[in-house]
């Protein structure tokens, strides 16, 4: 059994970091950090197909016209508590 199959939660900001959620056990928790410059719900759909508990946190751009983003730490804390992570 791989480490991904044993994990109960997975967090990530990039699609590459989250693609291995296909190997997670049902009900594992997935938290995705969304970049507002590139919104894509493929990980949400993948989590639904695999019966995973999906949550997301939409970031905000650090500077207009750039791709870097940041997340609100207080909102992150709320989501972690809501997801029981």
PDB file of N, CA and C in Angstrom:
ATOM      1  N   UNK A   1       0.845  -1.170   0.000  1.00  0.00           N
ATOM      2  CA  UNK A   1       0.000   0.000   0.000  1.00  0.00           C
ATOM      3  C   UNK A   1       0.896   1.240   0.000  1.00  0.00           C
ATOM      4  N   UNK A   2       0.613   2.173  -0.885  1.00  0.00           N
ATOM      5  CA  UNK A   2       1.441   3.372  -0.984  1.00  0.00           C
ATOM      6  C   UNK A   2       1.056   4.388   0.077  1.00  0.00           C
ATOM      7  N   UNK A   3       1.933   5.354   0.272  1.00  0.00           N
ATOM      8  CA  UNK A   3       1.658   6.413   1.248  1.00  0.00           C
ATOM      9  C   UNK A   3       0.398   7.185   0.870  1.00  0.00           C
ATOM     10  N   UNK A   4       0.176   7.405  -0.411  1.00  0.00           N
ATOM     11  CA  UNK A   4      -1.013   8.140  -0.851  1.00  0.00           C
ATOM     12  C   UNK A   4      -2.270   7.355  -0.517  1.00  0.00           C
ATOM     13  N   UNK A   5      -2.247   6.061  -0.690  1.00  0.00           N
ATOM     14  CA  UNK A   5      -3.421   5.246  -0.372  1.00  0.00           C
ATOM     15  C   UNK A   5      -3.728   5.268   1.118  1.00  0.00           C
ATOM     16  N   UNK A   6      -2.713   5.430   1.949  1.00  0.00           N
ATOM     17  CA  UNK A   6      -2.907   5.434   3.400  1.00  0.00           C
ATOM     18  C   UNK A   6      -3.281   6.812   3.939  1.00  0.00           C
ATOM     19  N   UNK A   7      -2.996   7.875   3.181  1.00  0.00           N
ATOM     20  CA  UNK A   7      -3.221   9.211   3.731  1.00  0.00           C
ATOM     21  C   UNK A   7      -4.712   9.502   3.862  1.00  0.00           C
ATOM     22  N   UNK A   8      -5.044  10.277   4.857  1.00  0.00           N
ATOM     23  CA  UNK A   8      -6.443  10.652   5.110  1.00  0.00           C
ATOM     24  C   UNK A   8      -6.729  12.078   4.661  1.00  0.00           C
ATOM     25  N   UNK A   9      -5.665  12.843   4.312  1.00  0.00           N
ATOM     26  CA  UNK A   9      -5.874  14.192   3.802  1.00  0.00           C
ATOM     27  C   UNK A   9      -4.760  14.557   2.837  1.00  0.00           C
ATOM     28  N   UNK A  10      -5.098  15.467   1.929  1.00  0.00           N
ATOM     29  CA  UNK A  10      -4.137  15.912   0.924  1.00  0.00           C
ATOM     30  C   UNK A  10      -4.432  17.368   0.638  1.00  0.00           C
ATOM     31  N   UNK A  11      -3.401  18.213   0.619  1.00  0.00           N
ATOM     32  CA  UNK A  11      -3.556  19.619   0.314  1.00  0.00           C
ATOM     33  C   UNK A  11      -2.585  19.982  -0.801  1.00  0.00           C
ATOM     34  N   UNK A  12      -2.985  20.940  -1.635  1.00  0.00           N
ATOM     35  CA  UNK A  12      -2.087  21.359  -2.690  1.00  0.00           C
ATOM     36  C   UNK A  12      -2.614  22.546  -3.457  1.00  0.00           C
ATOM     37  N   UNK A  13      -1.686  23.241  -4.105  1.00  0.00           N
ATOM     38  CA  UNK A  13      -2.047  24.422  -4.883  1.00  0.00           C
ATOM     39  C   UNK A  13      -1.978  24.155  -6.374  1.00  0.00           C
ATOM     40  N   UNK A  14      -1.323  23.087  -6.777  1.00  0.00           N
ATOM     41  CA  UNK A  14      -1.202  22.843  -8.214  1.00  0.00           C
ATOM     42  C   UNK A  14      -1.871  21.538  -8.589  1.00  0.00           C
ATOM     43  N   UNK A  15      -2.285  21.469  -9.820  1.00  0.00           N
ATOM     44  CA  UNK A  15      -2.925  20.240 -10.303  1.00  0.00           C
ATOM     45  C   UNK A  15      -1.942  19.078 -10.245  1.00  0.00           C
ATOM     46  N   UNK A  16      -0.680  19.347 -10.495  1.00  0.00           N
ATOM     47  CA  UNK A  16       0.331  18.286 -10.438  1.00  0.00           C
ATOM     48  C   UNK A  16       0.428  17.727  -9.023  1.00  0.00           C
ATOM     49  N   UNK A  17       0.345  18.601  -8.019  1.00  0.00           N
ATOM     50  CA  UNK A  17       0.451  18.159  -6.622  1.00  0.00           C
ATOM     51  C   UNK A  17      -0.738  17.317  -6.199  1.00  0.00           C
ATOM     52  N   UNK A  18      -1.879  17.495  -6.862  1.00  0.00           N
ATOM     53  CA  UNK A  18      -3.091  16.802  -6.440  1.00  0.00           C
ATOM     54  C   UNK A  18      -3.502  15.633  -7.327  1.00  0.00           C
ATOM     55  N   UNK A  19      -2.817  15.393  -8.424  1.00  0.00           N
ATOM     56  CA  UNK A  19      -3.250  14.333  -9.330  1.00  0.00           C
ATOM     57  C   UNK A  19      -3.258  12.955  -8.671  1.00  0.00           C
ATOM     58  N   UNK A  20      -2.435  12.762  -7.660  1.00  0.00           N
ATOM     59  CA  UNK A  20      -2.391  11.440  -7.019  1.00  0.00           C
ATOM     60  C   UNK A  20      -3.574  11.181  -6.092  1.00  0.00           C
ATOM     61  N   UNK A  21      -4.541  12.108  -6.025  1.00  0.00           N
ATOM     62  CA  UNK A  21      -5.730  11.836  -5.210  1.00  0.00           C
ATOM     63  C   UNK A  21      -6.549  10.681  -5.782  1.00  0.00           C
ATOM     64  N   UNK A  22      -6.270  10.291  -7.018  1.00  0.00           N
ATOM     65  CA  UNK A  22      -6.983   9.139  -7.591  1.00  0.00           C
ATOM     66  C   UNK A  22      -6.688   7.869  -6.798  1.00  0.00           C
ATOM     67  N   UNK A  23      -5.598   7.862  -6.034  1.00  0.00           N
ATOM     68  CA  UNK A  23      -5.211   6.690  -5.262  1.00  0.00           C
ATOM     69  C   UNK A  23      -5.693   6.752  -3.815  1.00  0.00           C
ATOM     70  N   UNK A  24      -6.295   7.857  -3.404  1.00  0.00           N
ATOM     71  CA  UNK A  24      -6.759   7.996  -2.019  1.00  0.00           C
ATOM     72  C   UNK A  24      -7.967   7.100  -1.759  1.00  0.00           C
ATOM     73  N   UNK A  25      -8.101   6.710  -0.514  1.00  0.00           N
ATOM     74  CA  UNK A  25      -9.252   5.926  -0.092  1.00  0.00           C
ATOM     75  C   UNK A  25     -10.489   6.828  -0.047  1.00  0.00           C
ATOM     76  N   UNK A  26     -11.677   6.270  -0.274  1.00  0.00           N
ATOM     77  CA  UNK A  26     -12.902   7.076  -0.162  1.00  0.00           C
ATOM     78  C   UNK A  26     -12.963   7.791   1.189  1.00  0.00           C
ATOM     79  N   UNK A  27     -13.521   8.979   1.178  1.00  0.00           N
ATOM     80  CA  UNK A  27     -13.674   9.841   2.342  1.00  0.00           C
ATOM     81  C   UNK A  27     -12.391  10.533   2.781  1.00  0.00           C
ATOM     82  N   UNK A  28     -11.279  10.325   2.065  1.00  0.00           N
ATOM     83  CA  UNK A  28     -10.080  11.104   2.360  1.00  0.00           C
ATOM     84  C   UNK A  28     -10.411  12.575   2.075  1.00  0.00           C
ATOM     85  N   UNK A  29      -9.744  13.480   2.754  1.00  0.00           N
ATOM     86  CA  UNK A  29     -10.033  14.908   2.626  1.00  0.00           C
ATOM     87  C   UNK A  29      -9.024  15.568   1.698  1.00  0.00           C
ATOM     88  N   UNK A  30      -9.542  16.380   0.785  1.00  0.00           N
ATOM     89  CA  UNK A  30      -8.711  17.084  -0.187  1.00  0.00           C
ATOM     90  C   UNK A  30      -8.992  18.572  -0.059  1.00  0.00           C
ATOM     91  N   UNK A  31      -7.944  19.362   0.140  1.00  0.00           N
ATOM     92  CA  UNK A  31      -8.086  20.806   0.199  1.00  0.00           C
ATOM     93  C   UNK A  31      -7.235  21.406  -0.919  1.00  0.00           C
ATOM     94  N   UNK A  32      -7.905  22.097  -1.830  1.00  0.00           N
ATOM     95  CA  UNK A  32      -7.220  22.698  -2.975  1.00  0.00           C
ATOM     96  C   UNK A  32      -7.158  24.205  -2.801  1.00  0.00           C
ATOM     97  N   UNK A  33      -5.982  24.768  -3.032  1.00  0.00           N
ATOM     98  CA  UNK A  33      -5.806  26.212  -3.040  1.00  0.00           C
ATOM     99  C   UNK A  33      -5.968  26.670  -4.483  1.00  0.00           C
ATOM    100  N   UNK A  34      -7.007  27.447  -4.752  1.00  0.00           N
ATOM    101  CA  UNK A  34      -7.303  27.872  -6.121  1.00  0.00           C
ATOM    102  C   UNK A  34      -6.648  29.219  -6.426  1.00  0.00           C
ATOM    103  N   UNK A  35      -6.011  29.289  -7.580  1.00  0.00           N
ATOM    104  CA  UNK A  35      -5.437  30.526  -8.090  1.00  0.00           C
ATOM    105  C   UNK A  35      -6.512  31.247  -8.895  1.00  0.00           C
ATOM    106  N   UNK A  36      -6.896  32.463  -8.521  1.00  0.00           N
ATOM    107  CA  UNK A  36      -7.957  33.159  -9.242  1.00  0.00           C
ATOM    108  C   UNK A  36      -7.596  33.491 -10.688  1.00  0.00           C
ATOM    109  N   UNK A  37      -6.323  33.422 -11.032  1.00  0.00           N
ATOM    110  CA  UNK A  37      -5.910  33.670 -12.412  1.00  0.00           C
ATOM    111  C   UNK A  37      -6.089  32.435 -13.286  1.00  0.00           C
ATOM    112  N   UNK A  38      -6.307  31.295 -12.654  1.00  0.00           N
ATOM    113  CA  UNK A  38      -6.456  30.049 -13.414  1.00  0.00           C
ATOM    114  C   UNK A  38      -7.398  29.111 -12.664  1.00  0.00           C
ATOM    115  N   UNK A  39      -8.681  29.375 -12.759  1.00  0.00           N
ATOM    116  CA  UNK A  39      -9.672  28.556 -12.056  1.00  0.00           C
ATOM    117  C   UNK A  39      -9.991  27.324 -12.897  1.00  0.00           C
ATOM    118  N   UNK A  40      -9.850  26.166 -12.269  1.00  0.00           N
ATOM    119  CA  UNK A  40     -10.094  24.906 -12.952  1.00  0.00           C
ATOM    120  C   UNK A  40     -10.641  23.933 -11.914  1.00  0.00           C
ATOM    121  N   UNK A  41     -11.783  23.375 -12.166  1.00  0.00           N
ATOM    122  CA  UNK A  41     -12.429  22.511 -11.193  1.00  0.00           C
ATOM    123  C   UNK A  41     -12.180  21.021 -11.442  1.00  0.00           C
ATOM    124  N   UNK A  42     -11.124  20.674 -12.150  1.00  0.00           N
ATOM    125  CA  UNK A  42     -10.885  19.256 -12.451  1.00  0.00           C
ATOM    126  C   UNK A  42     -10.622  18.442 -11.182  1.00  0.00           C
ATOM    127  N   UNK A  43      -9.940  19.003 -10.199  1.00  0.00           N
ATOM    128  CA  UNK A  43      -9.682  18.258  -8.965  1.00  0.00           C
ATOM    129  C   UNK A  43     -10.970  18.063  -8.168  1.00  0.00           C
ATOM    130  N   UNK A  44     -11.873  19.033  -8.223  1.00  0.00           N
ATOM    131  CA  UNK A  44     -13.171  18.884  -7.553  1.00  0.00           C
ATOM    132  C   UNK A  44     -13.938  17.730  -8.181  1.00  0.00           C
ATOM    133  N   UNK A  45     -13.937  17.658  -9.511  1.00  0.00           N
ATOM    134  CA  UNK A  45     -14.624  16.563 -10.204  1.00  0.00           C
ATOM    135  C   UNK A  45     -13.965  15.224  -9.898  1.00  0.00           C
ATOM    136  N   UNK A  46     -12.639  15.210  -9.902  1.00  0.00           N
ATOM    137  CA  UNK A  46     -11.912  13.971  -9.609  1.00  0.00           C
ATOM    138  C   UNK A  46     -12.202  13.500  -8.179  1.00  0.00           C
ATOM    139  N   UNK A  47     -12.264  14.441  -7.242  1.00  0.00           N
ATOM    140  CA  UNK A  47     -12.588  14.084  -5.858  1.00  0.00           C
ATOM    141  C   UNK A  47     -14.001  13.514  -5.764  1.00  0.00           C
ATOM    142  N   UNK A  48     -14.945  14.092  -6.495  1.00  0.00           N
ATOM    143  CA  UNK A  48     -16.324  13.601  -6.477  1.00  0.00           C
ATOM    144  C   UNK A  48     -16.409  12.187  -7.041  1.00  0.00           C
ATOM    145  N   UNK A  49     -15.709  11.940  -8.129  1.00  0.00           N
ATOM    146  CA  UNK A  49     -15.712  10.610  -8.746  1.00  0.00           C
ATOM    147  C   UNK A  49     -15.182   9.558  -7.769  1.00  0.00           C
ATOM    148  N   UNK A  50     -14.185   9.942  -6.963  1.00  0.00           N
ATOM    149  CA  UNK A  50     -13.553   9.010  -6.034  1.00  0.00           C
ATOM    150  C   UNK A  50     -14.116   9.082  -4.618  1.00  0.00           C
ATOM    151  N   UNK A  51     -15.270   9.765  -4.452  1.00  0.00           N
ATOM    152  CA  UNK A  51     -15.922   9.872  -3.146  1.00  0.00           C
ATOM    153  C   UNK A  51     -15.005  10.449  -2.067  1.00  0.00           C
ATOM    154  N   UNK A  52     -14.317  11.531  -2.410  1.00  0.00           N
ATOM    155  CA  UNK A  52     -13.437  12.201  -1.467  1.00  0.00           C
ATOM    156  C   UNK A  52     -14.127  13.444  -0.923  1.00  0.00           C
ATOM    157  N   UNK A  53     -13.734  13.863   0.254  1.00  0.00           N
ATOM    158  CA  UNK A  53     -14.273  15.063   0.887  1.00  0.00           C
ATOM    159  C   UNK A  53     -13.442  16.240   0.391  1.00  0.00           C
ATOM    160  N   UNK A  54     -14.005  17.034  -0.533  1.00  0.00           N
ATOM    161  CA  UNK A  54     -13.273  18.104  -1.206  1.00  0.00           C
ATOM    162  C   UNK A  54     -13.603  19.472  -0.623  1.00  0.00           C
ATOM    163  N   UNK A  55     -12.582  20.269  -0.426  1.00  0.00           N
ATOM    164  CA  UNK A  55     -12.748  21.659  -0.034  1.00  0.00           C
ATOM    165  C   UNK A  55     -11.773  22.499  -0.831  1.00  0.00           C
ATOM    166  N   UNK A  56     -12.051  23.782  -0.928  1.00  0.00           N
ATOM    167  CA  UNK A  56     -11.119  24.651  -1.637  1.00  0.00           C
ATOM    168  C   UNK A  56     -11.046  26.010  -0.950  1.00  0.00           C
ATOM    169  N   UNK A  57      -9.958  26.684  -1.200  1.00  0.00           N
ATOM    170  CA  UNK A  57      -9.765  28.041  -0.714  1.00  0.00           C
ATOM    171  C   UNK A  57      -9.312  28.877  -1.902  1.00  0.00           C
ATOM    172  N   UNK A  58     -10.137  29.852  -2.274  1.00  0.00           N
ATOM    173  CA  UNK A  58      -9.788  30.739  -3.378  1.00  0.00           C
ATOM    174  C   UNK A  58      -8.796  31.773  -2.864  1.00  0.00           C
ATOM    175  N   UNK A  59      -7.678  31.869  -3.532  1.00  0.00           N
ATOM    176  CA  UNK A  59      -6.673  32.851  -3.159  1.00  0.00           C
ATOM    177  C   UNK A  59      -6.980  34.206  -3.777  1.00  0.00           C
ATOM    178  N   UNK A  60      -6.099  35.135  -3.549  1.00  0.00           N
ATOM    179  CA  UNK A  60      -6.199  36.449  -4.185  1.00  0.00           C
ATOM    180  C   UNK A  60      -4.851  36.759  -4.821  1.00  0.00           C
ATOM    181  N   UNK A  61      -4.904  37.428  -5.951  1.00  0.00           N
ATOM    182  CA  UNK A  61      -3.662  37.739  -6.652  1.00  0.00           C
ATOM    183  C   UNK A  61      -2.809  38.694  -5.822  1.00  0.00           C
ATOM    184  N   UNK A  62      -1.519  38.431  -5.805  1.00  0.00           N
ATOM    185  CA  UNK A  62      -0.590  39.285  -5.080  1.00  0.00           C
ATOM    186  C   UNK A  62      -0.500  40.645  -5.765  1.00  0.00           C
ATOM    187  N   UNK A  63      -0.508  40.607  -7.090  1.00  0.00           N
ATOM    188  CA  UNK A  63      -0.407  41.826  -7.878  1.00  0.00           C
ATOM    189  C   UNK A  63      -1.175  41.621  -9.177  1.00  0.00           C
ATOM    190  N   UNK A  64      -1.965  42.613  -9.551  1.00  0.00           N
ATOM    191  CA  UNK A  64      -2.756  42.509 -10.773  1.00  0.00           C
ATOM    192  C   UNK A  64      -1.837  42.265 -11.975  1.00  0.00           C
ATOM    193  N   UNK A  65      -2.263  41.326 -12.835  1.00  0.00           N
ATOM    194  CA  UNK A  65      -1.475  41.005 -14.017  1.00  0.00           C
ATOM    195  C   UNK A  65      -0.419  39.939 -13.804  1.00  0.00           C
ATOM    196  N   UNK A  66      -0.280  39.457 -12.581  1.00  0.00           N
ATOM    197  CA  UNK A  66       0.694  38.404 -12.290  1.00  0.00           C
ATOM    198  C   UNK A  66      -0.054  37.157 -11.853  1.00  0.00           C
ATOM    199  N   UNK A  67       0.620  36.020 -11.852  1.00  0.00           N
ATOM    200  CA  UNK A  67      -0.032  34.759 -11.505  1.00  0.00           C
ATOM    201  C   UNK A  67       0.144  34.340 -10.055  1.00  0.00           C
ATOM    202  N   UNK A  68       1.053  34.982  -9.317  1.00  0.00           N
ATOM    203  CA  UNK A  68       1.253  34.611  -7.924  1.00  0.00           C
ATOM    204  C   UNK A  68       0.015  34.969  -7.113  1.00  0.00           C
ATOM    205  N   UNK A  69      -0.318  34.076  -6.179  1.00  0.00           N
ATOM    206  CA  UNK A  69      -1.478  34.345  -5.337  1.00  0.00           C
ATOM    207  C   UNK A  69      -1.169  34.028  -3.886  1.00  0.00           C
ATOM    208  N   UNK A  70      -2.012  34.540  -3.024  1.00  0.00           N
ATOM    209  CA  UNK A  70      -1.868  34.303  -1.590  1.00  0.00           C
ATOM    210  C   UNK A  70      -3.211  33.876  -1.026  1.00  0.00           C
ATOM    211  N   UNK A  71      -3.165  33.243   0.136  1.00  0.00           N
ATOM    212  CA  UNK A  71      -4.405  32.838   0.788  1.00  0.00           C
ATOM    213  C   UNK A  71      -4.509  33.545   2.127  1.00  0.00           C
ATOM    214  N   UNK A  72      -5.738  33.780   2.540  1.00  0.00           N
ATOM    215  CA  UNK A  72      -6.027  34.402   3.819  1.00  0.00           C
ATOM    216  C   UNK A  72      -5.887  33.341   4.908  1.00  0.00           C
ATOM    217  N   UNK A  73      -4.950  33.547   5.815  1.00  0.00           N
ATOM    218  CA  UNK A  73      -4.653  32.540   6.839  1.00  0.00           C
ATOM    219  C   UNK A  73      -5.843  32.313   7.765  1.00  0.00           C
ATOM    220  N   UNK A  74      -6.588  33.367   8.098  1.00  0.00           N
ATOM    221  CA  UNK A  74      -7.747  33.160   8.980  1.00  0.00           C
ATOM    222  C   UNK A  74      -8.813  32.336   8.275  1.00  0.00           C
ATOM    223  N   UNK A  75      -8.998  32.559   6.978  1.00  0.00           N
ATOM    224  CA  UNK A  75      -9.966  31.743   6.217  1.00  0.00           C
ATOM    225  C   UNK A  75      -9.467  30.304   6.106  1.00  0.00           C
ATOM    226  N   UNK A  76      -8.167  30.132   5.923  1.00  0.00           N
ATOM    227  CA  UNK A  76      -7.586  28.787   5.868  1.00  0.00           C
ATOM    228  C   UNK A  76      -7.855  28.056   7.181  1.00  0.00           C
ATOM    229  N   UNK A  77      -7.672  28.724   8.296  1.00  0.00           N
ATOM    230  CA  UNK A  77      -7.941  28.124   9.598  1.00  0.00           C
ATOM    231  C   UNK A  77      -9.399  27.696   9.716  1.00  0.00           C
ATOM    232  N   UNK A  78     -10.305  28.536   9.253  1.00  0.00           N
ATOM    233  CA  UNK A  78     -11.740  28.200   9.279  1.00  0.00           C
ATOM    234  C   UNK A  78     -12.021  26.943   8.466  1.00  0.00           C
ATOM    235  N   UNK A  79     -11.473  26.885   7.257  1.00  0.00           N
ATOM    236  CA  UNK A  79     -11.712  25.729   6.383  1.00  0.00           C
ATOM    237  C   UNK A  79     -11.114  24.459   6.992  1.00  0.00           C
ATOM    238  N   UNK A  80      -9.926  24.561   7.551  1.00  0.00           N
ATOM    239  CA  UNK A  80      -9.314  23.396   8.187  1.00  0.00           C
ATOM    240  C   UNK A  80     -10.183  22.890   9.332  1.00  0.00           C
ATOM    241  N   UNK A  81     -10.744  23.809  10.092  1.00  0.00           N
ATOM    242  CA  UNK A  81     -11.647  23.408  11.180  1.00  0.00           C
ATOM    243  C   UNK A  81     -12.933  22.797  10.639  1.00  0.00           C
ATOM    244  N   UNK A  82     -13.506  23.404   9.594  1.00  0.00           N
ATOM    245  CA  UNK A  82     -14.741  22.876   8.992  1.00  0.00           C
ATOM    246  C   UNK A  82     -14.524  21.457   8.464  1.00  0.00           C
ATOM    247  N   UNK A  83     -13.348  21.220   7.874  1.00  0.00           N
ATOM    248  CA  UNK A  83     -13.047  19.902   7.304  1.00  0.00           C
ATOM    249  C   UNK A  83     -12.478  18.941   8.335  1.00  0.00           C
ATOM    250  N   UNK A  84     -12.312  19.431   9.558  1.00  0.00           N
ATOM    251  CA  UNK A  84     -11.727  18.634  10.637  1.00  0.00           C
ATOM    252  C   UNK A  84     -10.338  18.121  10.279  1.00  0.00           C
ATOM    253  N   UNK A  85      -9.527  19.042   9.780  1.00  0.00           N
ATOM    254  CA  UNK A  85      -8.142  18.723   9.435  1.00  0.00           C
ATOM    255  C   UNK A  85      -7.193  19.316  10.476  1.00  0.00           C
TER     256      UNK A  85
END
